[in-house]
């Protein structure tokens, strides 16, 4: 089963790793540019990192939503299967009762 605690935990873990990945990418980009003696505008770098983090966060939310939907579908399927089993048992019980009544009537004659 899927619950809110697991969802929060996954989002926190994914967000944490996304931030780390963004910082590593920013550091490598900055190191690459400085090693080539190219002047870089920090605001452009921050915008790029922000866009990457935003996209990664949106992807994480989409994945979490899909997992939640799949979990709900599984729970609904299990409940429908249980209801079907109960209905089948009730029908079998009713048939047995009718057979018993028919048998008793035929023995009474």
PDB file of N, CA and C in Angstrom:
ATOM      1  N   UNK A   1       0.829  -1.179   0.000  1.00  0.00           N
ATOM      2  CA  UNK A   1       0.000   0.000   0.000  1.00  0.00           C
ATOM      3  C   UNK A   1       0.883   1.256   0.000  1.00  0.00           C
ATOM      4  N   UNK A   2       0.356   2.294  -0.483  1.00  0.00           N
ATOM      5  CA  UNK A   2       1.087   3.552  -0.630  1.00  0.00           C
ATOM      6  C   UNK A   2       0.444   4.563   0.305  1.00  0.00           C
ATOM      7  N   UNK A   3       1.244   5.236   1.115  1.00  0.00           N
ATOM      8  CA  UNK A   3       0.630   6.217   2.004  1.00  0.00           C
ATOM      9  C   UNK A   3       1.342   7.551   1.909  1.00  0.00           C
ATOM     10  N   UNK A   4       0.796   8.530   2.584  1.00  0.00           N
ATOM     11  CA  UNK A   4       1.291   9.903   2.511  1.00  0.00           C
ATOM     12  C   UNK A   4       2.695  10.024   3.083  1.00  0.00           C
ATOM     13  N   UNK A   5       3.017   9.256   4.114  1.00  0.00           N
ATOM     14  CA  UNK A   5       4.348   9.313   4.714  1.00  0.00           C
ATOM     15  C   UNK A   5       5.400   8.863   3.716  1.00  0.00           C
ATOM     16  N   UNK A   6       5.095   7.759   2.997  1.00  0.00           N
ATOM     17  CA  UNK A   6       6.038   7.280   1.987  1.00  0.00           C
ATOM     18  C   UNK A   6       6.199   8.304   0.877  1.00  0.00           C
ATOM     19  N   UNK A   7       5.106   8.913   0.471  1.00  0.00           N
ATOM     20  CA  UNK A   7       5.141   9.925  -0.587  1.00  0.00           C
ATOM     21  C   UNK A   7       6.002  11.102  -0.160  1.00  0.00           C
ATOM     22  N   UNK A   8       5.802  11.582   1.060  1.00  0.00           N
ATOM     23  CA  UNK A   8       6.583  12.707   1.577  1.00  0.00           C
ATOM     24  C   UNK A   8       8.051  12.344   1.667  1.00  0.00           C
ATOM     25  N   UNK A   9       8.321  11.148   2.135  1.00  0.00           N
ATOM     26  CA  UNK A   9       9.703  10.685   2.259  1.00  0.00           C
ATOM     27  C   UNK A   9      10.387  10.630   0.900  1.00  0.00           C
ATOM     28  N   UNK A  10       9.671  10.087  -0.103  1.00  0.00           N
ATOM     29  CA  UNK A  10      10.248  10.010  -1.449  1.00  0.00           C
ATOM     30  C   UNK A  10      10.488  11.389  -2.043  1.00  0.00           C
ATOM     31  N   UNK A  11       9.521  12.286  -1.863  1.00  0.00           N
ATOM     32  CA  UNK A  11       9.678  13.636  -2.407  1.00  0.00           C
ATOM     33  C   UNK A  11      10.844  14.348  -1.734  1.00  0.00           C
ATOM     34  N   UNK A  12      10.982  14.168  -0.416  1.00  0.00           N
ATOM     35  CA  UNK A  12      12.088  14.802   0.305  1.00  0.00           C
ATOM     36  C   UNK A  12      13.417  14.256  -0.186  1.00  0.00           C
ATOM     37  N   UNK A  13      13.494  12.941  -0.328  1.00  0.00           N
ATOM     38  CA  UNK A  13      14.727  12.311  -0.812  1.00  0.00           C
ATOM     39  C   UNK A  13      15.044  12.771  -2.229  1.00  0.00           C
ATOM     40  N   UNK A  14      14.022  12.774  -3.099  1.00  0.00           N
ATOM     41  CA  UNK A  14      14.240  13.187  -4.480  1.00  0.00           C
ATOM     42  C   UNK A  14      14.622  14.659  -4.557  1.00  0.00           C
ATOM     43  N   UNK A  15      13.969  15.506  -3.778  1.00  0.00           N
ATOM     44  CA  UNK A  15      14.285  16.928  -3.790  1.00  0.00           C
ATOM     45  C   UNK A  15      15.699  17.163  -3.295  1.00  0.00           C
ATOM     46  N   UNK A  16      16.075  16.443  -2.238  1.00  0.00           N
ATOM     47  CA  UNK A  16      17.419  16.576  -1.693  1.00  0.00           C
ATOM     48  C   UNK A  16      18.462  16.182  -2.735  1.00  0.00           C
ATOM     49  N   UNK A  17      18.240  15.063  -3.406  1.00  0.00           N
ATOM     50  CA  UNK A  17      19.198  14.629  -4.414  1.00  0.00           C
ATOM     51  C   UNK A  17      19.195  15.568  -5.625  1.00  0.00           C
ATOM     52  N   UNK A  18      18.052  16.160  -5.923  1.00  0.00           N
ATOM     53  CA  UNK A  18      17.978  17.109  -7.037  1.00  0.00           C
ATOM     54  C   UNK A  18      18.783  18.371  -6.727  1.00  0.00           C
ATOM     55  N   UNK A  19      18.672  18.844  -5.506  1.00  0.00           N
ATOM     56  CA  UNK A  19      19.426  20.035  -5.118  1.00  0.00           C
ATOM     57  C   UNK A  19      20.918  19.745  -5.166  1.00  0.00           C
ATOM     58  N   UNK A  20      21.307  18.569  -4.656  1.00  0.00           N
ATOM     59  CA  UNK A  20      22.724  18.189  -4.689  1.00  0.00           C
ATOM     60  C   UNK A  20      23.220  18.102  -6.132  1.00  0.00           C
ATOM     61  N   UNK A  21      22.408  17.490  -6.987  1.00  0.00           N
ATOM     62  CA  UNK A  21      22.778  17.362  -8.401  1.00  0.00           C
ATOM     63  C   UNK A  21      22.908  18.744  -9.048  1.00  0.00           C
ATOM     64  N   UNK A  22      21.973  19.629  -8.735  1.00  0.00           N
ATOM     65  CA  UNK A  22      22.033  20.988  -9.278  1.00  0.00           C
ATOM     66  C   UNK A  22      23.283  21.723  -8.829  1.00  0.00           C
ATOM     67  N   UNK A  23      23.620  21.573  -7.555  1.00  0.00           N
ATOM     68  CA  UNK A  23      24.823  22.240  -7.037  1.00  0.00           C
ATOM     69  C   UNK A  23      26.094  21.674  -7.659  1.00  0.00           C
ATOM     70  N   UNK A  24      26.132  20.364  -7.832  1.00  0.00           N
ATOM     71  CA  UNK A  24      27.301  19.754  -8.474  1.00  0.00           C
ATOM     72  C   UNK A  24      27.415  20.241  -9.914  1.00  0.00           C
ATOM     73  N   UNK A  25      26.290  20.285 -10.619  1.00  0.00           N
ATOM     74  CA  UNK A  25      26.311  20.765 -11.998  1.00  0.00           C
ATOM     75  C   UNK A  25      26.760  22.218 -12.059  1.00  0.00           C
ATOM     76  N   UNK A  26      26.268  23.028 -11.141  1.00  0.00           N
ATOM     77  CA  UNK A  26      26.663  24.440 -11.116  1.00  0.00           C
ATOM     78  C   UNK A  26      28.154  24.583 -10.832  1.00  0.00           C
ATOM     79  N   UNK A  27      28.652  23.796  -9.891  1.00  0.00           N
ATOM     80  CA  UNK A  27      30.078  23.854  -9.548  1.00  0.00           C
ATOM     81  C   UNK A  27      30.943  23.435 -10.729  1.00  0.00           C
ATOM     82  N   UNK A  28      30.544  22.336 -11.391  1.00  0.00           N
ATOM     83  CA  UNK A  28      31.316  21.876 -12.546  1.00  0.00           C
ATOM     84  C   UNK A  28      31.268  22.888 -13.688  1.00  0.00           C
ATOM     85  N   UNK A  29      30.121  23.472 -13.896  1.00  0.00           N
ATOM     86  CA  UNK A  29      29.992  24.484 -14.948  1.00  0.00           C
ATOM     87  C   UNK A  29      30.874  25.685 -14.641  1.00  0.00           C
ATOM     88  N   UNK A  30      30.823  26.131 -13.405  1.00  0.00           N
ATOM     89  CA  UNK A  30      31.624  27.281 -12.990  1.00  0.00           C
ATOM     90  C   UNK A  30      33.112  26.967 -13.099  1.00  0.00           C
ATOM     91  N   UNK A  31      33.505  25.764 -12.671  1.00  0.00           N
ATOM     92  CA  UNK A  31      34.911  25.371 -12.754  1.00  0.00           C
ATOM     93  C   UNK A  31      35.358  25.290 -14.209  1.00  0.00           C
ATOM     94  N   UNK A  32      34.500  24.787 -15.069  1.00  0.00           N
ATOM     95  CA  UNK A  32      34.829  24.674 -16.486  1.00  0.00           C
ATOM     96  C   UNK A  32      35.048  26.053 -17.107  1.00  0.00           C
ATOM     97  N   UNK A  33      34.135  26.973 -16.790  1.00  0.00           N
ATOM     98  CA  UNK A  33      34.262  28.306 -17.347  1.00  0.00           C
ATOM     99  C   UNK A  33      35.485  29.043 -16.797  1.00  0.00           C
ATOM    100  N   UNK A  34      35.738  28.882 -15.505  1.00  0.00           N
ATOM    101  CA  UNK A  34      36.881  29.603 -14.933  1.00  0.00           C
ATOM    102  C   UNK A  34      38.196  29.019 -15.424  1.00  0.00           C
ATOM    103  N   UNK A  35      38.218  27.711 -15.700  1.00  0.00           N
ATOM    104  CA  UNK A  35      39.463  27.122 -16.201  1.00  0.00           C
ATOM    105  C   UNK A  35      39.760  27.593 -17.616  1.00  0.00           C
ATOM    106  N   UNK A  36      38.728  27.992 -18.324  1.00  0.00           N
ATOM    107  CA  UNK A  36      38.924  28.511 -19.677  1.00  0.00           C
ATOM    108  C   UNK A  36      39.072  30.026 -19.663  1.00  0.00           C
ATOM    109  N   UNK A  37      39.119  30.596 -18.495  1.00  0.00           N
ATOM    110  CA  UNK A  37      39.273  32.037 -18.324  1.00  0.00           C
ATOM    111  C   UNK A  37      38.152  32.800 -19.032  1.00  0.00           C
ATOM    112  N   UNK A  38      36.934  32.265 -18.934  1.00  0.00           N
ATOM    113  CA  UNK A  38      35.773  32.909 -19.524  1.00  0.00           C
ATOM    114  C   UNK A  38      34.979  33.542 -18.389  1.00  0.00           C
ATOM    115  N   UNK A  39      34.573  34.770 -18.585  1.00  0.00           N
ATOM    116  CA  UNK A  39      33.796  35.449 -17.563  1.00  0.00           C
ATOM    117  C   UNK A  39      32.342  34.948 -17.651  1.00  0.00           C
ATOM    118  N   UNK A  40      31.760  34.611 -16.519  1.00  0.00           N
ATOM    119  CA  UNK A  40      30.401  34.086 -16.517  1.00  0.00           C
ATOM    120  C   UNK A  40      29.523  34.976 -15.647  1.00  0.00           C
ATOM    121  N   UNK A  41      28.316  35.125 -16.083  1.00  0.00           N
ATOM    122  CA  UNK A  41      27.356  35.908 -15.329  1.00  0.00           C
ATOM    123  C   UNK A  41      26.661  34.970 -14.335  1.00  0.00           C
ATOM    124  N   UNK A  42      26.804  35.258 -13.051  1.00  0.00           N
ATOM    125  CA  UNK A  42      26.250  34.392 -12.002  1.00  0.00           C
ATOM    126  C   UNK A  42      24.732  34.302 -12.098  1.00  0.00           C
ATOM    127  N   UNK A  43      24.094  35.369 -12.505  1.00  0.00           N
ATOM    128  CA  UNK A  43      22.627  35.333 -12.580  1.00  0.00           C
ATOM    129  C   UNK A  43      22.155  34.353 -13.648  1.00  0.00           C
ATOM    130  N   UNK A  44      22.876  34.261 -14.765  1.00  0.00           N
ATOM    131  CA  UNK A  44      22.515  33.305 -15.806  1.00  0.00           C
ATOM    132  C   UNK A  44      22.666  31.874 -15.298  1.00  0.00           C
ATOM    133  N   UNK A  45      23.730  31.630 -14.542  1.00  0.00           N
ATOM    134  CA  UNK A  45      23.964  30.310 -13.981  1.00  0.00           C
ATOM    135  C   UNK A  45      22.846  29.955 -12.993  1.00  0.00           C
ATOM    136  N   UNK A  46      22.484  30.901 -12.160  1.00  0.00           N
ATOM    137  CA  UNK A  46      21.421  30.662 -11.183  1.00  0.00           C
ATOM    138  C   UNK A  46      20.084  30.396 -11.872  1.00  0.00           C
ATOM    139  N   UNK A  47      19.808  31.106 -12.942  1.00  0.00           N
ATOM    140  CA  UNK A  47      18.572  30.884 -13.694  1.00  0.00           C
ATOM    141  C   UNK A  47      18.562  29.464 -14.263  1.00  0.00           C
ATOM    142  N   UNK A  48      19.686  29.052 -14.820  1.00  0.00           N
ATOM    143  CA  UNK A  48      19.772  27.705 -15.393  1.00  0.00           C
ATOM    144  C   UNK A  48      19.591  26.635 -14.316  1.00  0.00           C
ATOM    145  N   UNK A  49      20.228  26.823 -13.170  1.00  0.00           N
ATOM    146  CA  UNK A  49      20.100  25.867 -12.068  1.00  0.00           C
ATOM    147  C   UNK A  49      18.664  25.839 -11.573  1.00  0.00           C
ATOM    148  N   UNK A  50      18.049  27.004 -11.451  1.00  0.00           N
ATOM    149  CA  UNK A  50      16.662  27.093 -10.991  1.00  0.00           C
ATOM    150  C   UNK A  50      15.721  26.368 -11.960  1.00  0.00           C
ATOM    151  N   UNK A  51      15.951  26.546 -13.241  1.00  0.00           N
ATOM    152  CA  UNK A  51      15.122  25.862 -14.241  1.00  0.00           C
ATOM    153  C   UNK A  51      15.285  24.344 -14.144  1.00  0.00           C
ATOM    154  N   UNK A  52      16.523  23.896 -13.959  1.00  0.00           N
ATOM    155  CA  UNK A  52      16.772  22.456 -13.827  1.00  0.00           C
ATOM    156  C   UNK A  52      16.097  21.889 -12.586  1.00  0.00           C
ATOM    157  N   UNK A  53      16.197  22.604 -11.480  1.00  0.00           N
ATOM    158  CA  UNK A  53      15.571  22.145 -10.240  1.00  0.00           C
ATOM    159  C   UNK A  53      14.050  22.150 -10.379  1.00  0.00           C
ATOM    160  N   UNK A  54      13.506  23.177 -11.017  1.00  0.00           N
ATOM    161  CA  UNK A  54      12.054  23.246 -11.225  1.00  0.00           C
ATOM    162  C   UNK A  54      11.578  22.078 -12.066  1.00  0.00           C
ATOM    163  N   UNK A  55      12.279  21.784 -13.139  1.00  0.00           N
ATOM    164  CA  UNK A  55      11.901  20.660 -14.008  1.00  0.00           C
ATOM    165  C   UNK A  55      12.005  19.334 -13.260  1.00  0.00           C
ATOM    166  N   UNK A  56      13.073  19.168 -12.509  1.00  0.00           N
ATOM    167  CA  UNK A  56      13.250  17.921 -11.761  1.00  0.00           C
ATOM    168  C   UNK A  56      12.167  17.778 -10.690  1.00  0.00           C
ATOM    169  N   UNK A  57      11.780  18.859 -10.052  1.00  0.00           N
ATOM    170  CA  UNK A  57      10.710  18.820  -9.047  1.00  0.00           C
ATOM    171  C   UNK A  57       9.383  18.454  -9.687  1.00  0.00           C
ATOM    172  N   UNK A  58       9.110  19.023 -10.848  1.00  0.00           N
ATOM    173  CA  UNK A  58       7.874  18.694 -11.552  1.00  0.00           C
ATOM    174  C   UNK A  58       7.856  17.214 -11.938  1.00  0.00           C
ATOM    175  N   UNK A  59       8.987  16.708 -12.388  1.00  0.00           N
ATOM    176  CA  UNK A  59       9.079  15.291 -12.733  1.00  0.00           C
ATOM    177  C   UNK A  59       8.836  14.414 -11.501  1.00  0.00           C
ATOM    178  N   UNK A  60       9.402  14.811 -10.356  1.00  0.00           N
ATOM    179  CA  UNK A  60       9.213  14.047  -9.120  1.00  0.00           C
ATOM    180  C   UNK A  60       7.740  14.043  -8.710  1.00  0.00           C
ATOM    181  N   UNK A  61       7.074  15.183  -8.846  1.00  0.00           N
ATOM    182  CA  UNK A  61       5.650  15.254  -8.502  1.00  0.00           C
ATOM    183  C   UNK A  61       4.806  14.398  -9.440  1.00  0.00           C
ATOM    184  N   UNK A  62       5.141  14.403 -10.712  1.00  0.00           N
ATOM    185  CA  UNK A  62       4.411  13.572 -11.682  1.00  0.00           C
ATOM    186  C   UNK A  62       4.578  12.094 -11.330  1.00  0.00           C
ATOM    187  N   UNK A  63       5.817  11.694 -10.996  1.00  0.00           N
ATOM    188  CA  UNK A  63       6.066  10.299 -10.626  1.00  0.00           C
ATOM    189  C   UNK A  63       5.301   9.929  -9.359  1.00  0.00           C
ATOM    190  N   UNK A  64       5.291  10.819  -8.378  1.00  0.00           N
ATOM    191  CA  UNK A  64       4.568  10.550  -7.134  1.00  0.00           C
ATOM    192  C   UNK A  64       3.068  10.421  -7.402  1.00  0.00           C
ATOM    193  N   UNK A  65       2.540  11.278  -8.272  1.00  0.00           N
ATOM    194  CA  UNK A  65       1.114  11.224  -8.625  1.00  0.00           C
ATOM    195  C   UNK A  65       0.787   9.894  -9.306  1.00  0.00           C
ATOM    196  N   UNK A  66       1.645   9.460 -10.226  1.00  0.00           N
ATOM    197  CA  UNK A  66       1.419   8.197 -10.922  1.00  0.00           C
ATOM    198  C   UNK A  66       1.444   7.023  -9.949  1.00  0.00           C
ATOM    199  N   UNK A  67       2.388   7.036  -8.994  1.00  0.00           N
ATOM    200  CA  UNK A  67       2.464   5.970  -8.004  1.00  0.00           C
ATOM    201  C   UNK A  67       1.219   5.955  -7.123  1.00  0.00           C
ATOM    202  N   UNK A  68       0.748   7.127  -6.743  1.00  0.00           N
ATOM    203  CA  UNK A  68      -0.454   7.218  -5.921  1.00  0.00           C
ATOM    204  C   UNK A  68      -1.669   6.689  -6.674  1.00  0.00           C
ATOM    205  N   UNK A  69      -1.795   7.041  -7.936  1.00  0.00           N
ATOM    206  CA  UNK A  69      -2.916   6.566  -8.754  1.00  0.00           C
ATOM    207  C   UNK A  69      -2.862   5.045  -8.895  1.00  0.00           C
ATOM    208  N   UNK A  70      -1.677   4.500  -9.148  1.00  0.00           N
ATOM    209  CA  UNK A  70      -1.542   3.045  -9.269  1.00  0.00           C
ATOM    210  C   UNK A  70      -1.902   2.350  -7.961  1.00  0.00           C
ATOM    211  N   UNK A  71      -1.500   2.931  -6.847  1.00  0.00           N
ATOM    212  CA  UNK A  71      -1.827   2.365  -5.544  1.00  0.00           C
ATOM    213  C   UNK A  71      -3.333   2.368  -5.311  1.00  0.00           C
ATOM    214  N   UNK A  72      -3.984   3.471  -5.645  1.00  0.00           N
ATOM    215  CA  UNK A  72      -5.438   3.556  -5.483  1.00  0.00           C
ATOM    216  C   UNK A  72      -6.147   2.550  -6.386  1.00  0.00           C
ATOM    217  N   UNK A  73      -5.671   2.398  -7.612  1.00  0.00           N
ATOM    218  CA  UNK A  73      -6.267   1.427  -8.540  1.00  0.00           C
ATOM    219  C   UNK A  73      -6.130   0.008  -7.990  1.00  0.00           C
ATOM    220  N   UNK A  74      -4.978  -0.283  -7.397  1.00  0.00           N
ATOM    221  CA  UNK A  74      -4.761  -1.612  -6.827  1.00  0.00           C
ATOM    222  C   UNK A  74      -5.720  -1.854  -5.658  1.00  0.00           C
ATOM    223  N   UNK A  75      -5.885  -0.853  -4.800  1.00  0.00           N
ATOM    224  CA  UNK A  75      -6.790  -0.994  -3.659  1.00  0.00           C
ATOM    225  C   UNK A  75      -8.232  -1.201  -4.125  1.00  0.00           C
ATOM    226  N   UNK A  76      -8.650  -0.443  -5.132  1.00  0.00           N
ATOM    227  CA  UNK A  76     -10.010  -0.585  -5.671  1.00  0.00           C
ATOM    228  C   UNK A  76     -10.201  -1.981  -6.266  1.00  0.00           C
ATOM    229  N   UNK A  77      -9.207  -2.459  -7.000  1.00  0.00           N
ATOM    230  CA  UNK A  77      -9.293  -3.803  -7.598  1.00  0.00           C
ATOM    231  C   UNK A  77      -9.430  -4.870  -6.521  1.00  0.00           C
ATOM    232  N   UNK A  78      -8.656  -4.743  -5.459  1.00  0.00           N
ATOM    233  CA  UNK A  78      -8.728  -5.717  -4.368  1.00  0.00           C
ATOM    234  C   UNK A  78     -10.105  -5.702  -3.712  1.00  0.00           C
ATOM    235  N   UNK A  79     -10.658  -4.519  -3.509  1.00  0.00           N
ATOM    236  CA  UNK A  79     -11.982  -4.424  -2.891  1.00  0.00           C
ATOM    237  C   UNK A  79     -13.058  -4.998  -3.807  1.00  0.00           C
ATOM    238  N   UNK A  80     -12.977  -4.728  -5.101  1.00  0.00           N
ATOM    239  CA  UNK A  80     -13.948  -5.281  -6.039  1.00  0.00           C
ATOM    240  C   UNK A  80     -13.861  -6.800  -6.080  1.00  0.00           C
ATOM    241  N   UNK A  81     -12.658  -7.333  -6.010  1.00  0.00           N
ATOM    242  CA  UNK A  81     -12.477  -8.786  -6.007  1.00  0.00           C
ATOM    243  C   UNK A  81     -13.116  -9.381  -4.755  1.00  0.00           C
ATOM    244  N   UNK A  82     -12.940  -8.727  -3.614  1.00  0.00           N
ATOM    245  CA  UNK A  82     -13.535  -9.199  -2.359  1.00  0.00           C
ATOM    246  C   UNK A  82     -15.058  -9.185  -2.440  1.00  0.00           C
ATOM    247  N   UNK A  83     -15.624  -8.125  -3.003  1.00  0.00           N
ATOM    248  CA  UNK A  83     -17.079  -8.029  -3.143  1.00  0.00           C
ATOM    249  C   UNK A  83     -17.585  -9.134  -4.068  1.00  0.00           C
ATOM    250  N   UNK A  84     -16.875  -9.417  -5.133  1.00  0.00           N
ATOM    251  CA  UNK A  84     -17.266 -10.473  -6.064  1.00  0.00           C
ATOM    252  C   UNK A  84     -17.276 -11.836  -5.366  1.00  0.00           C
ATOM    253  N   UNK A  85     -16.260 -12.089  -4.548  1.00  0.00           N
ATOM    254  CA  UNK A  85     -16.200 -13.354  -3.813  1.00  0.00           C
ATOM    255  C   UNK A  85     -17.384 -13.478  -2.854  1.00  0.00           C
ATOM    256  N   UNK A  86     -17.730 -12.401  -2.171  1.00  0.00           N
ATOM    257  CA  UNK A  86     -18.864 -12.413  -1.242  1.00  0.00           C
ATOM    258  C   UNK A  86     -20.168 -12.669  -2.001  1.00  0.00           C
ATOM    259  N   UNK A  87     -20.330 -12.010  -3.140  1.00  0.00           N
ATOM    260  CA  UNK A  87     -21.536 -12.216  -3.959  1.00  0.00           C
ATOM    261  C   UNK A  87     -21.641 -13.674  -4.420  1.00  0.00           C
ATOM    262  N   UNK A  88     -20.543 -14.246  -4.856  1.00  0.00           N
ATOM    263  CA  UNK A  88     -20.547 -15.633  -5.315  1.00  0.00           C
ATOM    264  C   UNK A  88     -20.902 -16.583  -4.174  1.00  0.00           C
ATOM    265  N   UNK A  89     -20.381 -16.312  -2.984  1.00  0.00           N
ATOM    266  CA  UNK A  89     -20.687 -17.156  -1.825  1.00  0.00           C
ATOM    267  C   UNK A  89     -22.167 -17.046  -1.456  1.00  0.00           C
ATOM    268  N   UNK A  90     -22.720 -15.848  -1.539  1.00  0.00           N
ATOM    269  CA  UNK A  90     -24.140 -15.648  -1.225  1.00  0.00           C
ATOM    270  C   UNK A  90     -25.021 -16.365  -2.236  1.00  0.00           C
ATOM    271  N   UNK A  91     -24.670 -16.332  -3.489  1.00  0.00           N
ATOM    272  CA  UNK A  91     -25.436 -17.016  -4.534  1.00  0.00           C
ATOM    273  C   UNK A  91     -25.373 -18.533  -4.317  1.00  0.00           C
ATOM    274  N   UNK A  92     -24.189 -19.036  -4.015  1.00  0.00           N
ATOM    275  CA  UNK A  92     -24.039 -20.480  -3.770  1.00  0.00           C
ATOM    276  C   UNK A  92     -24.867 -20.898  -2.558  1.00  0.00           C
ATOM    277  N   UNK A  93     -24.882 -20.087  -1.523  1.00  0.00           N
ATOM    278  CA  UNK A  93     -25.674 -20.387  -0.327  1.00  0.00           C
ATOM    279  C   UNK A  93     -27.158 -20.416  -0.663  1.00  0.00           C
ATOM    280  N   UNK A  94     -27.608 -19.455  -1.441  1.00  0.00           N
ATOM    281  CA  UNK A  94     -29.022 -19.388  -1.829  1.00  0.00           C
ATOM    282  C   UNK A  94     -29.418 -20.597  -2.679  1.00  0.00           C
ATOM    283  N   UNK A  95     -28.557 -21.007  -3.582  1.00  0.00           N
ATOM    284  CA  UNK A  95     -28.833 -22.186  -4.412  1.00  0.00           C
ATOM    285  C   UNK A  95     -28.933 -23.430  -3.533  1.00  0.00           C
ATOM    286  N   UNK A  96     -28.038 -23.564  -2.565  1.00  0.00           N
ATOM    287  CA  UNK A  96     -28.073 -24.710  -1.656  1.00  0.00           C
ATOM    288  C   UNK A  96     -29.368 -24.720  -0.847  1.00  0.00           C
ATOM    289  N   UNK A  97     -29.805 -23.561  -0.394  1.00  0.00           N
ATOM    290  CA  UNK A  97     -31.067 -23.481   0.348  1.00  0.00           C
ATOM    291  C   UNK A  97     -32.245 -23.906  -0.525  1.00  0.00           C
ATOM    292  N   UNK A  98     -32.255 -23.438  -1.780  1.00  0.00           N
ATOM    293  CA  UNK A  98     -33.348 -23.803  -2.691  1.00  0.00           C
ATOM    294  C   UNK A  98     -33.339 -25.305  -2.964  1.00  0.00           C
ATOM    295  N   UNK A  99     -32.155 -25.877  -3.137  1.00  0.00           N
ATOM    296  CA  UNK A  99     -32.052 -27.321  -3.362  1.00  0.00           C
ATOM    297  C   UNK A  99     -32.555 -28.094  -2.148  1.00  0.00           C
ATOM    298  N   UNK A 100     -32.249 -27.593  -0.959  1.00  0.00           N
ATOM    299  CA  UNK A 100     -32.706 -28.232   0.267  1.00  0.00           C
ATOM    300  C   UNK A 100     -34.230 -28.206   0.359  1.00  0.00           C
ATOM    301  N   UNK A 101     -34.844 -27.068   0.017  1.00  0.00           N
ATOM    302  CA  UNK A 101     -36.301 -26.946   0.043  1.00  0.00           C
ATOM    303  C   UNK A 101     -36.926 -27.905  -0.965  1.00  0.00           C
ATOM    304  N   UNK A 102     -36.374 -27.982  -2.152  1.00  0.00           N
ATOM    305  CA  UNK A 102     -36.895 -28.891  -3.184  1.00  0.00           C
ATOM    306  C   UNK A 102     -36.775 -30.331  -2.714  1.00  0.00           C
ATOM    307  N   UNK A 103     -35.645 -30.664  -2.110  1.00  0.00           N
ATOM    308  CA  UNK A 103     -35.423 -32.034  -1.617  1.00  0.00           C
ATOM    309  C   UNK A 103     -36.438 -32.362  -0.522  1.00  0.00           C
ATOM    310  N   UNK A 104     -36.649 -31.438   0.400  1.00  0.00           N
ATOM    311  CA  UNK A 104     -37.601 -31.671   1.488  1.00  0.00           C
ATOM    312  C   UNK A 104     -39.016 -31.834   0.948  1.00  0.00           C
ATOM    313  N   UNK A 105     -39.410 -31.073  -0.049  1.00  0.00           N
ATOM    314  CA  UNK A 105     -40.730 -31.183  -0.630  1.00  0.00           C
ATOM    315  C   UNK A 105     -40.922 -32.521  -1.339  1.00  0.00           C
ATOM    316  N   UNK A 106     -39.876 -32.963  -2.057  1.00  0.00           N
ATOM    317  CA  UNK A 106     -39.994 -34.214  -2.773  1.00  0.00           C
ATOM    318  C   UNK A 106     -40.028 -35.395  -1.805  1.00  0.00           C
ATOM    319  N   UNK A 107     -39.372 -35.282  -0.676  1.00  0.00           N
ATOM    320  CA  UNK A 107     -39.401 -36.347   0.327  1.00  0.00           C
ATOM    321  C   UNK A 107     -40.753 -36.366   1.040  1.00  0.00           C
ATOM    322  N   UNK A 108     -41.397 -35.212   1.150  1.00  0.00           N
ATOM    323  CA  UNK A 108     -42.692 -35.124   1.833  1.00  0.00           C
ATOM    324  C   UNK A 108     -43.789 -35.752   1.000  1.00  0.00           C
ATOM    325  N   UNK A 109     -43.624 -35.826  -0.275  1.00  0.00           N
ATOM    326  CA  UNK A 109     -44.676 -36.391  -1.148  1.00  0.00           C
ATOM    327  C   UNK A 109     -44.656 -37.840  -1.099  1.00  0.00           C
TER     328      UNK A 109
END
